[in-house]
Amino acid sequence: MSIIQRNNVHISGHGKRIIVLAHGFGCDQTMWRYFVPSFQDDYRTVLFDHVGSGSSDLAAYNVDKYDSLDGYADDLIEIIREVADEPVVFVGHSVSAMIGLVAGLKAPQLFAAQVMVGPSPCYVNDGDYIGGFTRDDMDDLLHTLESNYLGWSSTMAPAIMGTPEQPELGIELTNSFCRTDPEIAQQFARVTFLSDHRALLPRSTAPTLILQCSDDIIAPQAVGEYMHRVMPRSTLHVIENVGHCPHLSSPSASSAAVSAFLEPLSL
């Protein structure tokens, strides 16, 4: 099984530069469809599905490999080496922002810049750090997810999307969650929500845009402010948007923020 087949990689666009986009938990590459057109003229865009998600090769899923974000980061490094001859711009949504962080520390020469959409290095409150969830809240969330995944998906997905005026987006995210194998989703959820990558943030060397929504139940604004304080070469941009998926619910504002970030870098 090739890397291209394993991760269902699709390449489009007309530019010489490459931008790689990675989806978040319970999603797949179709979530970028409103965002990608803004970059098609200037970049070759690379979309893929994490193993266990979307149309990836489910036979490639390995419980031990994907028991931390390192396994996903290793896949990302392999994808970039397969499709690019020079450093890329990487755009990661939610947990993929941290996958990009881990990959960037493993192979910094592959990354010209990183864009983190709704990122969080740690979802659980810890002393002065506000991650958005108490440990009890997180334990309850994961227990519900593991005991009734479909019910959890139908309840949480609309809240995560946060667009009552666009109910079709909440339905789409619900359906995406429900298409994911429950056992894989449960492991990915624990890897995502119980990880703590705060110690890695100061080690990042790539120019990084932290793109956040003004009202996000998964990654509150305090998280972005914390990341900006501790990450060298970081820029924080907050868009007025409710929800955790601005590339779907506010694609124009999201793509404009990314374009403005990349322009002075001449990437």
C-alpha atoms as a PDB file:
ATOM      1  CA  MET A   1       0.000   0.000   0.000  1.00  0.00           C
ATOM      2  CA  SER A   2       1.520   3.330  -1.086  1.00  0.00           C
ATOM      3  CA  ILE A   3       1.501   6.435   1.095  1.00  0.00           C
ATOM      4  CA  ILE A   4      -0.822   8.101  -1.423  1.00  0.00           C
ATOM      5  CA  GLN A   5      -3.352   5.272  -1.136  1.00  0.00           C
ATOM      6  CA  ARG A   6      -2.930   4.816   2.604  1.00  0.00           C
ATOM      7  CA  ASN A   7      -3.846   8.422   3.360  1.00  0.00           C
ATOM      8  CA  ASN A   8      -6.118   9.035   0.349  1.00  0.00           C
ATOM      9  CA  VAL A   9      -3.903  11.917  -0.803  1.00  0.00           C
ATOM     10  CA  HIS A  10      -5.258  14.337  -3.416  1.00  0.00           C
ATOM     11  CA  ILE A  11      -3.225  17.112  -5.048  1.00  0.00           C
ATOM     12  CA  SER A  12      -4.656  20.026  -7.009  1.00  0.00           C
ATOM     13  CA  GLY A  13      -3.917  23.670  -7.787  1.00  0.00           C
ATOM     14  CA  HIS A  14      -1.488  25.460 -10.080  1.00  0.00           C
ATOM     15  CA  GLY A  15       1.251  27.106  -8.029  1.00  0.00           C
ATOM     16  CA  LYS A  16       4.816  25.977  -7.500  1.00  0.00           C
ATOM     17  CA  ARG A  17       4.529  26.249  -3.736  1.00  0.00           C
ATOM     18  CA  ILE A  18       2.780  23.546  -1.713  1.00  0.00           C
ATOM     19  CA  ILE A  19       0.235  23.887   1.059  1.00  0.00           C
ATOM     20  CA  VAL A  20      -0.721  20.744   2.995  1.00  0.00           C
ATOM     21  CA  LEU A  21      -4.022  20.684   4.895  1.00  0.00           C
ATOM     22  CA  ALA A  22      -4.947  18.250   7.667  1.00  0.00           C
ATOM     23  CA  HIS A  23      -8.397  17.716   9.182  1.00  0.00           C
ATOM     24  CA  GLY A  24      -9.387  17.390  12.819  1.00  0.00           C
ATOM     25  CA  PHE A  25     -10.954  14.650  14.938  1.00  0.00           C
ATOM     26  CA  GLY A  26     -13.941  12.891  13.358  1.00  0.00           C
ATOM     27  CA  CYS A  27     -13.493  14.711  10.057  1.00  0.00           C
ATOM     28  CA  ASP A  28     -11.910  14.145   6.654  1.00  0.00           C
ATOM     29  CA  GLN A  29     -10.379  16.207   3.869  1.00  0.00           C
ATOM     30  CA  THR A  30     -13.758  17.354   2.473  1.00  0.00           C
ATOM     31  CA  MET A  31     -13.958  19.799   5.381  1.00  0.00           C
ATOM     32  CA  TRP A  32     -11.512  22.051   3.479  1.00  0.00           C
ATOM     33  CA  ARG A  33     -13.657  22.456   0.360  1.00  0.00           C
ATOM     34  CA  TYR A  34     -14.641  26.089   1.047  1.00  0.00           C
ATOM     35  CA  PHE A  35     -11.132  27.072   2.120  1.00  0.00           C
ATOM     36  CA  VAL A  36      -9.002  25.530  -0.631  1.00  0.00           C
ATOM     37  CA  PRO A  37     -10.236  27.597  -3.630  1.00  0.00           C
ATOM     38  CA  SER A  38      -8.585  30.737  -2.240  1.00  0.00           C
ATOM     39  CA  PHE A  39      -5.167  29.081  -2.629  1.00  0.00           C
ATOM     40  CA  GLN A  40      -5.563  27.113  -5.850  1.00  0.00           C
ATOM     41  CA  ASP A  41      -3.978  29.766  -8.079  1.00  0.00           C
ATOM     42  CA  ASP A  42      -0.844  30.271  -5.981  1.00  0.00           C
ATOM     43  CA  TYR A  43      -0.314  26.835  -4.437  1.00  0.00           C
ATOM     44  CA  ARG A  44      -0.548  23.172  -5.117  1.00  0.00           C
ATOM     45  CA  THR A  45      -2.894  22.028  -2.373  1.00  0.00           C
ATOM     46  CA  VAL A  46      -2.409  18.631  -0.761  1.00  0.00           C
ATOM     47  CA  LEU A  47      -5.357  17.054   1.044  1.00  0.00           C
ATOM     48  CA  PHE A  48      -5.331  13.746   2.892  1.00  0.00           C
ATOM     49  CA  ASP A  49      -7.179  11.681   5.473  1.00  0.00           C
ATOM     50  CA  HIS A  50      -5.541  10.496   8.675  1.00  0.00           C
ATOM     51  CA  VAL A  51      -5.412   6.717   8.903  1.00  0.00           C
ATOM     52  CA  GLY A  52      -8.693   5.644  10.467  1.00  0.00           C
ATOM     53  CA  SER A  53     -10.591   8.630   9.027  1.00  0.00           C
ATOM     54  CA  GLY A  54     -12.401   9.368   5.784  1.00  0.00           C
ATOM     55  CA  SER A  55     -11.336   7.188   2.853  1.00  0.00           C
ATOM     56  CA  SER A  56      -7.959   6.230   4.276  1.00  0.00           C
ATOM     57  CA  ASP A  57      -6.893   2.592   4.278  1.00  0.00           C
ATOM     58  CA  LEU A  58      -8.420   1.256   7.496  1.00  0.00           C
ATOM     59  CA  ALA A  59      -6.241  -1.835   7.229  1.00  0.00           C
ATOM     60  CA  ALA A  60      -3.257   0.422   7.943  1.00  0.00           C
ATOM     61  CA  TYR A  61      -4.617   1.368  11.364  1.00  0.00           C
ATOM     62  CA  ASN A  62      -2.415   0.080  14.167  1.00  0.00           C
ATOM     63  CA  VAL A  63      -3.467   0.513  17.788  1.00  0.00           C
ATOM     64  CA  ASP A  64       0.095   0.818  19.052  1.00  0.00           C
ATOM     65  CA  LYS A  65       1.285   3.225  16.355  1.00  0.00           C
ATOM     66  CA  TYR A  66      -1.632   5.595  16.808  1.00  0.00           C
ATOM     67  CA  ASP A  67      -1.643   5.558  20.601  1.00  0.00           C
ATOM     68  CA  SER A  68      -0.007   8.991  20.510  1.00  0.00           C
ATOM     69  CA  LEU A  69       0.189  11.828  18.028  1.00  0.00           C
ATOM     70  CA  ASP A  70       3.672  10.656  17.052  1.00  0.00           C
ATOM     71  CA  GLY A  71       2.197   8.009  14.763  1.00  0.00           C
ATOM     72  CA  TYR A  72       0.137  10.612  12.916  1.00  0.00           C
ATOM     73  CA  ALA A  73       3.124  12.966  12.789  1.00  0.00           C
ATOM     74  CA  ASP A  74       5.244  10.224  11.222  1.00  0.00           C
ATOM     75  CA  ASP A  75       2.564   9.752   8.545  1.00  0.00           C
ATOM     76  CA  LEU A  76       2.546  13.491   7.865  1.00  0.00           C
ATOM     77  CA  ILE A  77       6.318  13.533   7.426  1.00  0.00           C
ATOM     78  CA  GLU A  78       6.052  10.635   4.961  1.00  0.00           C
ATOM     79  CA  ILE A  79       3.324  12.426   2.998  1.00  0.00           C
ATOM     80  CA  ILE A  80       5.333  15.640   2.723  1.00  0.00           C
ATOM     81  CA  ARG A  81       8.433  13.773   1.595  1.00  0.00           C
ATOM     82  CA  GLU A  82       6.329  11.981  -0.995  1.00  0.00           C
ATOM     83  CA  VAL A  83       4.726  15.077  -2.529  1.00  0.00           C
ATOM     84  CA  ALA A  84       7.200  17.942  -2.008  1.00  0.00           C
ATOM     85  CA  ASP A  85      10.784  18.752  -2.949  1.00  0.00           C
ATOM     86  CA  GLU A  86      10.936  21.851  -0.755  1.00  0.00           C
ATOM     87  CA  PRO A  87       9.481  23.031   2.573  1.00  0.00           C
ATOM     88  CA  VAL A  88       5.704  23.308   2.679  1.00  0.00           C
ATOM     89  CA  VAL A  89       3.087  25.438   4.374  1.00  0.00           C
ATOM     90  CA  PHE A  90       1.173  23.180   6.728  1.00  0.00           C
ATOM     91  CA  VAL A  91      -2.374  23.976   7.857  1.00  0.00           C
ATOM     92  CA  GLY A  92      -3.703  21.800  10.663  1.00  0.00           C
ATOM     93  CA  HIS A  93      -7.170  21.981  12.174  1.00  0.00           C
ATOM     94  CA  SER A  94      -7.663  21.199  15.872  1.00  0.00           C
ATOM     95  CA  VAL A  95      -5.666  18.085  16.821  1.00  0.00           C
ATOM     96  CA  SER A  96      -3.826  18.270  13.493  1.00  0.00           C
ATOM     97  CA  ALA A  97      -2.264  21.516  14.649  1.00  0.00           C
ATOM     98  CA  MET A  98      -0.473  19.535  17.344  1.00  0.00           C
ATOM     99  CA  ILE A  99       0.319  16.762  14.860  1.00  0.00           C
ATOM    100  CA  GLY A 100       1.998  19.448  12.763  1.00  0.00           C
ATOM    101  CA  LEU A 101       3.857  20.729  15.817  1.00  0.00           C
ATOM    102  CA  VAL A 102       5.227  17.250  16.588  1.00  0.00           C
ATOM    103  CA  ALA A 103       6.142  16.648  12.949  1.00  0.00           C
ATOM    104  CA  GLY A 104       7.815  20.044  12.726  1.00  0.00           C
ATOM    105  CA  LEU A 105      10.063  19.218  15.655  1.00  0.00           C
ATOM    106  CA  LYS A 106      10.954  15.848  14.158  1.00  0.00           C
ATOM    107  CA  ALA A 107      11.679  17.209  10.671  1.00  0.00           C
ATOM    108  CA  PRO A 108      11.877  21.031  10.787  1.00  0.00           C
ATOM    109  CA  GLN A 109      13.428  21.208   7.321  1.00  0.00           C
ATOM    110  CA  LEU A 110      10.094  20.134   5.801  1.00  0.00           C
ATOM    111  CA  PHE A 111       8.075  23.074   7.133  1.00  0.00           C
ATOM    112  CA  ALA A 112       8.334  26.633   5.834  1.00  0.00           C
ATOM    113  CA  ALA A 113       5.415  27.799   7.983  1.00  0.00           C
ATOM    114  CA  GLN A 114       2.586  26.376  10.041  1.00  0.00           C
ATOM    115  CA  VAL A 115      -1.025  27.488  10.421  1.00  0.00           C
ATOM    116  CA  MET A 116      -2.883  26.176  13.458  1.00  0.00           C
ATOM    117  CA  VAL A 117      -6.680  26.441  13.203  1.00  0.00           C
ATOM    118  CA  GLY A 118      -8.412  26.129  16.571  1.00  0.00           C
ATOM    119  CA  PRO A 119      -5.372  24.520  18.216  1.00  0.00           C
ATOM    120  CA  SER A 120      -4.978  23.365  21.785  1.00  0.00           C
ATOM    121  CA  PRO A 121      -1.859  21.848  23.334  1.00  0.00           C
ATOM    122  CA  CYS A 122      -3.835  20.749  26.406  1.00  0.00           C
ATOM    123  CA  TYR A 123      -7.624  20.626  26.788  1.00  0.00           C
ATOM    124  CA  VAL A 124      -7.703  20.193  30.575  1.00  0.00           C
ATOM    125  CA  ASN A 125      -7.344  23.083  33.021  1.00  0.00           C
ATOM    126  CA  ASP A 126      -4.117  22.929  35.033  1.00  0.00           C
ATOM    127  CA  GLY A 127      -3.421  25.562  37.681  1.00  0.00           C
ATOM    128  CA  ASP A 128      -3.278  28.938  35.938  1.00  0.00           C
ATOM    129  CA  TYR A 129      -3.596  27.281  32.538  1.00  0.00           C
ATOM    130  CA  ILE A 130      -7.126  27.379  31.100  1.00  0.00           C
ATOM    131  CA  GLY A 131      -7.675  24.576  28.606  1.00  0.00           C
ATOM    132  CA  GLY A 132     -11.467  24.767  28.663  1.00  0.00           C
ATOM    133  CA  PHE A 133     -12.337  21.542  30.538  1.00  0.00           C
ATOM    134  CA  THR A 134     -11.957  20.360  34.108  1.00  0.00           C
ATOM    135  CA  ARG A 135     -10.629  16.829  34.469  1.00  0.00           C
ATOM    136  CA  ASP A 136     -14.067  15.683  35.643  1.00  0.00           C
ATOM    137  CA  ASP A 137     -15.676  17.288  32.576  1.00  0.00           C
ATOM    138  CA  MET A 138     -13.192  15.541  30.315  1.00  0.00           C
ATOM    139  CA  ASP A 139     -13.704  12.173  32.018  1.00  0.00           C
ATOM    140  CA  ASP A 140     -17.479  12.543  31.573  1.00  0.00           C
ATOM    141  CA  LEU A 141     -17.059  13.506  27.912  1.00  0.00           C
ATOM    142  CA  LEU A 142     -14.870  10.496  27.160  1.00  0.00           C
ATOM    143  CA  HIS A 143     -17.104   8.133  29.139  1.00  0.00           C
ATOM    144  CA  THR A 144     -20.148   9.262  27.135  1.00  0.00           C
ATOM    145  CA  LEU A 145     -18.230   8.966  23.890  1.00  0.00           C
ATOM    146  CA  GLU A 146     -17.157   5.421  24.698  1.00  0.00           C
ATOM    147  CA  SER A 147     -20.532   4.227  26.010  1.00  0.00           C
ATOM    148  CA  ASN A 148     -22.728   5.796  23.317  1.00  0.00           C
ATOM    149  CA  TYR A 149     -20.633   7.079  20.435  1.00  0.00           C
ATOM    150  CA  LEU A 150     -23.508   7.745  18.037  1.00  0.00           C
ATOM    151  CA  GLY A 151     -25.490   9.583  20.700  1.00  0.00           C
ATOM    152  CA  TRP A 152     -22.418  11.594  21.677  1.00  0.00           C
ATOM    153  CA  SER A 153     -21.822  12.477  18.035  1.00  0.00           C
ATOM    154  CA  SER A 154     -25.365  13.708  17.429  1.00  0.00           C
ATOM    155  CA  THR A 155     -25.185  15.898  20.544  1.00  0.00           C
ATOM    156  CA  MET A 156     -21.637  17.203  20.338  1.00  0.00           C
ATOM    157  CA  ALA A 157     -21.176  17.786  16.615  1.00  0.00           C
ATOM    158  CA  PRO A 158     -23.704  20.653  16.312  1.00  0.00           C
ATOM    159  CA  ALA A 159     -22.269  22.264  19.458  1.00  0.00           C
ATOM    160  CA  ILE A 160     -18.741  21.973  18.089  1.00  0.00           C
ATOM    161  CA  MET A 161     -19.778  23.414  14.733  1.00  0.00           C
ATOM    162  CA  GLY A 162     -21.655  26.230  16.500  1.00  0.00           C
ATOM    163  CA  THR A 163     -23.701  27.437  13.536  1.00  0.00           C
ATOM    164  CA  PRO A 164     -27.451  27.327  14.312  1.00  0.00           C
ATOM    165  CA  GLU A 165     -28.011  29.625  11.322  1.00  0.00           C
ATOM    166  CA  GLN A 166     -26.306  26.998   9.139  1.00  0.00           C
ATOM    167  CA  PRO A 167     -27.805  23.758  10.505  1.00  0.00           C
ATOM    168  CA  GLU A 168     -26.585  21.813   7.485  1.00  0.00           C
ATOM    169  CA  LEU A 169     -22.996  22.190   8.734  1.00  0.00           C
ATOM    170  CA  GLY A 170     -23.864  20.680  12.090  1.00  0.00           C
ATOM    171  CA  ILE A 171     -25.587  17.806  10.301  1.00  0.00           C
ATOM    172  CA  GLU A 172     -22.539  17.315   8.094  1.00  0.00           C
ATOM    173  CA  LEU A 173     -20.205  17.130  11.079  1.00  0.00           C
ATOM    174  CA  THR A 174     -22.562  14.720  12.845  1.00  0.00           C
ATOM    175  CA  ASN A 175     -22.585  12.454   9.806  1.00  0.00           C
ATOM    176  CA  SER A 176     -18.804  12.656   9.567  1.00  0.00           C
ATOM    177  CA  PHE A 177     -18.432  11.627  13.212  1.00  0.00           C
ATOM    178  CA  CYS A 178     -20.877   8.775  12.726  1.00  0.00           C
ATOM    179  CA  ARG A 179     -19.000   7.423   9.700  1.00  0.00           C
ATOM    180  CA  THR A 180     -15.854   6.963  11.768  1.00  0.00           C
ATOM    181  CA  ASP A 181     -15.269   3.503  13.215  1.00  0.00           C
ATOM    182  CA  PRO A 182     -16.289   3.856  16.899  1.00  0.00           C
ATOM    183  CA  GLU A 183     -13.271   1.985  18.267  1.00  0.00           C
ATOM    184  CA  ILE A 184     -10.865   4.091  16.240  1.00  0.00           C
ATOM    185  CA  ALA A 185     -12.751   7.248  17.222  1.00  0.00           C
ATOM    186  CA  GLN A 186     -12.553   6.328  20.901  1.00  0.00           C
ATOM    187  CA  GLN A 187      -8.797   5.849  20.786  1.00  0.00           C
ATOM    188  CA  PHE A 188      -8.260   8.998  18.717  1.00  0.00           C
ATOM    189  CA  ALA A 189     -10.408  10.949  21.180  1.00  0.00           C
ATOM    190  CA  ARG A 190      -8.313   9.834  24.158  1.00  0.00           C
ATOM    191  CA  VAL A 191      -5.092  10.584  22.287  1.00  0.00           C
ATOM    192  CA  THR A 192      -6.464  13.997  21.348  1.00  0.00           C
ATOM    193  CA  PHE A 193      -8.146  15.186  24.523  1.00  0.00           C
ATOM    194  CA  LEU A 194      -5.773  13.746  27.119  1.00  0.00           C
ATOM    195  CA  SER A 195      -2.526  14.799  25.453  1.00  0.00           C
ATOM    196  CA  ASP A 196      -0.423  17.650  26.774  1.00  0.00           C
ATOM    197  CA  HIS A 197       2.012  19.213  24.321  1.00  0.00           C
ATOM    198  CA  ARG A 198       2.627  22.488  26.137  1.00  0.00           C
ATOM    199  CA  ALA A 199       6.290  21.664  26.721  1.00  0.00           C
ATOM    200  CA  LEU A 200       6.848  21.404  22.965  1.00  0.00           C
ATOM    201  CA  LEU A 201       5.537  24.862  22.084  1.00  0.00           C
ATOM    202  CA  PRO A 202       8.700  26.876  22.927  1.00  0.00           C
ATOM    203  CA  ARG A 203      10.757  24.524  20.753  1.00  0.00           C
ATOM    204  CA  SER A 204       8.874  25.341  17.571  1.00  0.00           C
ATOM    205  CA  THR A 205      10.992  27.284  15.057  1.00  0.00           C
ATOM    206  CA  ALA A 206       8.667  27.752  12.072  1.00  0.00           C
ATOM    207  CA  PRO A 207       6.674  30.963  11.581  1.00  0.00           C
ATOM    208  CA  THR A 208       3.256  30.016  12.963  1.00  0.00           C
ATOM    209  CA  LEU A 209      -0.212  31.505  12.684  1.00  0.00           C
ATOM    210  CA  ILE A 210      -2.568  30.664  15.541  1.00  0.00           C
ATOM    211  CA  LEU A 211      -6.049  31.141  14.070  1.00  0.00           C
ATOM    212  CA  GLN A 212      -8.862  31.127  16.595  1.00  0.00           C
ATOM    213  CA  CYS A 213     -12.555  31.861  16.784  1.00  0.00           C
ATOM    214  CA  SER A 214     -13.899  34.417  19.221  1.00  0.00           C
ATOM    215  CA  ASP A 215     -16.281  31.807  20.703  1.00  0.00           C
ATOM    216  CA  ASP A 216     -15.067  28.191  20.624  1.00  0.00           C
ATOM    217  CA  ILE A 217     -16.186  25.592  23.201  1.00  0.00           C
ATOM    218  CA  ILE A 218     -13.280  23.291  22.322  1.00  0.00           C
ATOM    219  CA  ALA A 219     -10.402  25.779  22.197  1.00  0.00           C
ATOM    220  CA  PRO A 220     -11.216  28.970  24.133  1.00  0.00           C
ATOM    221  CA  GLN A 221      -9.416  32.182  23.313  1.00  0.00           C
ATOM    222  CA  ALA A 222      -7.267  31.871  26.444  1.00  0.00           C
ATOM    223  CA  VAL A 223      -5.577  28.860  24.830  1.00  0.00           C
ATOM    224  CA  GLY A 224      -4.529  30.858  21.785  1.00  0.00           C
ATOM    225  CA  GLU A 225      -3.246  33.672  23.955  1.00  0.00           C
ATOM    226  CA  TYR A 226      -1.196  31.199  25.985  1.00  0.00           C
ATOM    227  CA  MET A 227       0.262  29.622  22.857  1.00  0.00           C
ATOM    228  CA  HIS A 228       1.171  33.011  21.443  1.00  0.00           C
ATOM    229  CA  ARG A 229       2.995  33.932  24.650  1.00  0.00           C
ATOM    230  CA  VAL A 230       5.172  30.827  24.692  1.00  0.00           C
ATOM    231  CA  MET A 231       5.713  30.127  20.993  1.00  0.00           C
ATOM    232  CA  PRO A 232       8.529  31.971  19.229  1.00  0.00           C
ATOM    233  CA  ARG A 233       7.707  33.390  15.788  1.00  0.00           C
ATOM    234  CA  SER A 234       3.955  33.063  16.410  1.00  0.00           C
ATOM    235  CA  THR A 235       1.123  35.329  15.299  1.00  0.00           C
ATOM    236  CA  LEU A 236      -2.338  35.211  16.889  1.00  0.00           C
ATOM    237  CA  HIS A 237      -5.378  36.100  14.819  1.00  0.00           C
ATOM    238  CA  VAL A 238      -8.907  35.870  16.223  1.00  0.00           C
ATOM    239  CA  ILE A 239     -11.859  35.924  13.846  1.00  0.00           C
ATOM    240  CA  GLU A 240     -15.390  36.767  14.914  1.00  0.00           C
ATOM    241  CA  ASN A 241     -16.989  33.369  14.628  1.00  0.00           C
ATOM    242  CA  VAL A 242     -18.835  30.925  16.863  1.00  0.00           C
ATOM    243  CA  GLY A 243     -17.629  27.341  16.674  1.00  0.00           C
ATOM    244  CA  HIS A 244     -14.556  25.207  16.214  1.00  0.00           C
ATOM    245  CA  CYS A 245     -14.515  24.880  12.407  1.00  0.00           C
ATOM    246  CA  PRO A 246     -14.011  28.347  10.883  1.00  0.00           C
ATOM    247  CA  HIS A 247     -12.719  26.889   7.610  1.00  0.00           C
ATOM    248  CA  LEU A 248     -16.301  25.643   7.110  1.00  0.00           C
ATOM    249  CA  SER A 249     -18.413  28.242   8.886  1.00  0.00           C
ATOM    250  CA  SER A 250     -16.301  31.314   8.049  1.00  0.00           C
ATOM    251  CA  PRO A 251     -14.068  30.317   5.135  1.00  0.00           C
ATOM    252  CA  SER A 252     -13.540  33.801   3.712  1.00  0.00           C
ATOM    253  CA  ALA A 253     -12.306  35.261   6.997  1.00  0.00           C
ATOM    254  CA  SER A 254     -10.144  32.189   7.592  1.00  0.00           C
ATOM    255  CA  SER A 255      -8.499  32.194   4.178  1.00  0.00           C
ATOM    256  CA  ALA A 256      -7.967  35.965   4.334  1.00  0.00           C
ATOM    257  CA  ALA A 257      -6.171  35.622   7.669  1.00  0.00           C
ATOM    258  CA  VAL A 258      -3.949  32.866   6.311  1.00  0.00           C
ATOM    259  CA  SER A 259      -3.158  34.808   3.141  1.00  0.00           C
ATOM    260  CA  ALA A 260      -2.249  37.911   5.154  1.00  0.00           C
ATOM    261  CA  PHE A 261       0.039  35.815   7.337  1.00  0.00           C
ATOM    262  CA  LEU A 262       1.800  34.167   4.400  1.00  0.00           C
ATOM    263  CA  GLU A 263       2.219  37.252   2.211  1.00  0.00           C
ATOM    264  CA  PRO A 264       5.146  38.897   4.067  1.00  0.00           C
ATOM    265  CA  LEU A 265       6.872  35.518   4.369  1.00  0.00           C
ATOM    266  CA  SER A 266       7.060  35.316   0.547  1.00  0.00           C
ATOM    267  CA  LEU A 267       5.930  31.686   0.647  1.00  0.00           C
END
